Amino acid sequence: MEFLVVEFGTTRRRVRVNGNPSGFTGDLLQLEAGTHLIALDPPADFDPLGQTIVLTGTSPLVPKRVTFVLRSASPPPPASAPPPASGTRA
């Protein structure tokens, strides 16, 4: 048995391992040794969207740690200049 902790800031999110719900971020997850695809439940507001890991040689005291980060929000588009007042020149 191997051990994994998935980190995602202070937000609690469901963790998917190989497409299956497998616990929540911050929890100590127990998985079989081997290669696994780790992802989070939607919304897809994080990077990377998935991570393939090889899980081996872990313990409850020294789990493998995988980190997802919140994608920064896109800045709002710049405000357009107001149209010139009628009868004035720009």
Protein backbone atom coordinates (compact mmCIF):
# COMPACT_ATOMS: atom_id res chain seq x y z
CA MET A 1 0.00 0.00 0.00
CA GLU A 2 1.26 3.49 -0.92
CA PHE A 3 0.31 6.93 0.37
CA LEU A 4 -0.51 10.22 -1.33
CA VAL A 5 -1.52 13.72 -0.25
CA VAL A 6 -2.95 16.05 -2.91
CA GLU A 7 -2.62 19.74 -2.10
CA PHE A 8 -4.76 22.57 -3.47
CA GLY A 9 -4.21 25.66 -1.35
CA THR A 10 -6.88 26.08 1.31
CA THR A 11 -9.69 24.85 -0.96
CA ARG A 12 -11.07 21.37 -0.32
CA ARG A 13 -11.74 19.54 -3.58
CA ARG A 14 -12.55 15.93 -4.48
CA VAL A 15 -9.53 14.04 -5.83
CA ARG A 16 -9.86 11.63 -8.74
CA VAL A 17 -7.37 8.83 -9.24
CA ASN A 18 -7.53 7.20 -12.67
CA GLY A 19 -10.94 8.87 -13.13
CA ASN A 20 -12.44 7.51 -9.90
CA PRO A 21 -13.36 9.58 -6.79
CA SER A 22 -10.72 8.72 -4.21
CA GLY A 23 -10.93 11.25 -1.39
CA PHE A 24 -10.32 14.95 -0.88
CA THR A 25 -7.40 17.36 -1.04
CA GLY A 26 -5.45 17.45 2.19
CA ASP A 27 -6.41 13.87 3.16
CA LEU A 28 -3.96 10.98 3.34
CA LEU A 29 -4.99 8.68 0.49
CA GLN A 30 -4.04 4.99 0.33
CA LEU A 31 -3.44 3.60 -3.16
CA GLU A 32 -1.85 0.61 -4.80
CA ALA A 33 1.73 1.05 -5.97
CA GLY A 34 2.08 1.97 -9.63
CA THR A 35 1.29 4.67 -12.14
CA HIS A 36 -1.79 6.82 -11.52
CA LEU A 37 -3.45 9.83 -13.14
CA ILE A 38 -4.33 12.39 -10.45
CA ALA A 39 -6.93 15.12 -11.12
CA LEU A 40 -9.44 17.25 -9.26
CA ASP A 41 -13.19 17.54 -9.69
CA PRO A 42 -14.55 20.56 -11.61
CA PRO A 43 -14.55 23.45 -11.95
CA ALA A 44 -11.34 23.24 -13.97
CA ASP A 45 -9.88 26.36 -12.38
CA PHE A 46 -6.53 24.79 -11.51
CA ASP A 47 -3.21 23.88 -13.08
CA PRO A 48 -2.17 21.40 -14.18
CA LEU A 49 -5.44 19.70 -15.14
CA GLY A 50 -3.92 16.28 -14.40
CA GLN A 51 -0.67 14.75 -13.20
CA THR A 52 0.62 11.27 -13.96
CA ILE A 53 2.65 9.95 -11.04
CA VAL A 54 4.50 6.77 -10.15
CA LEU A 55 3.64 5.87 -6.59
CA THR A 56 6.21 3.76 -4.78
CA GLY A 57 8.31 3.82 -1.61
CA THR A 58 5.93 5.95 0.47
CA SER A 59 4.66 5.62 4.02
CA PRO A 60 1.94 7.29 6.09
CA LEU A 61 4.61 9.55 7.61
CA VAL A 62 6.29 10.30 4.25
CA PRO A 63 3.58 10.29 1.56
CA LYS A 64 4.10 11.44 -2.01
CA ARG A 65 2.77 15.01 -2.36
CA VAL A 66 1.12 16.34 -5.50
CA THR A 67 0.20 20.02 -5.78
CA PHE A 68 -2.40 21.75 -7.92
CA VAL A 69 -2.59 25.55 -7.99
CA LEU A 70 -5.56 27.80 -8.50
CA ARG A 71 -5.42 29.35 -11.95
CA SER A 72 -5.25 33.12 -11.67
CA ALA A 73 -8.29 34.92 -12.96
CA SER A 74 -7.85 36.72 -16.24
CA PRO A 75 -7.64 40.46 -15.80
CA PRO A 76 -10.71 42.34 -17.01
CA PRO A 77 -10.41 43.88 -20.47
CA PRO A 78 -9.30 47.51 -20.48
CA ALA A 79 -12.11 50.02 -20.34
CA SER A 80 -12.70 51.72 -23.65
CA ALA A 81 -12.51 55.49 -23.80
CA PRO A 82 -15.89 57.21 -23.67
CA PRO A 83 -17.09 58.62 -26.97
CA PRO A 84 -16.33 62.31 -27.47
CA ALA A 85 -19.12 64.70 -26.52
CA SER A 86 -21.13 65.89 -29.49
CA GLY A 87 -19.93 69.13 -31.01
CA THR A 88 -16.37 68.81 -29.67
CA ARG A 89 -13.24 67.74 -31.40
CA ALA A 90 -11.08 64.89 -30.19
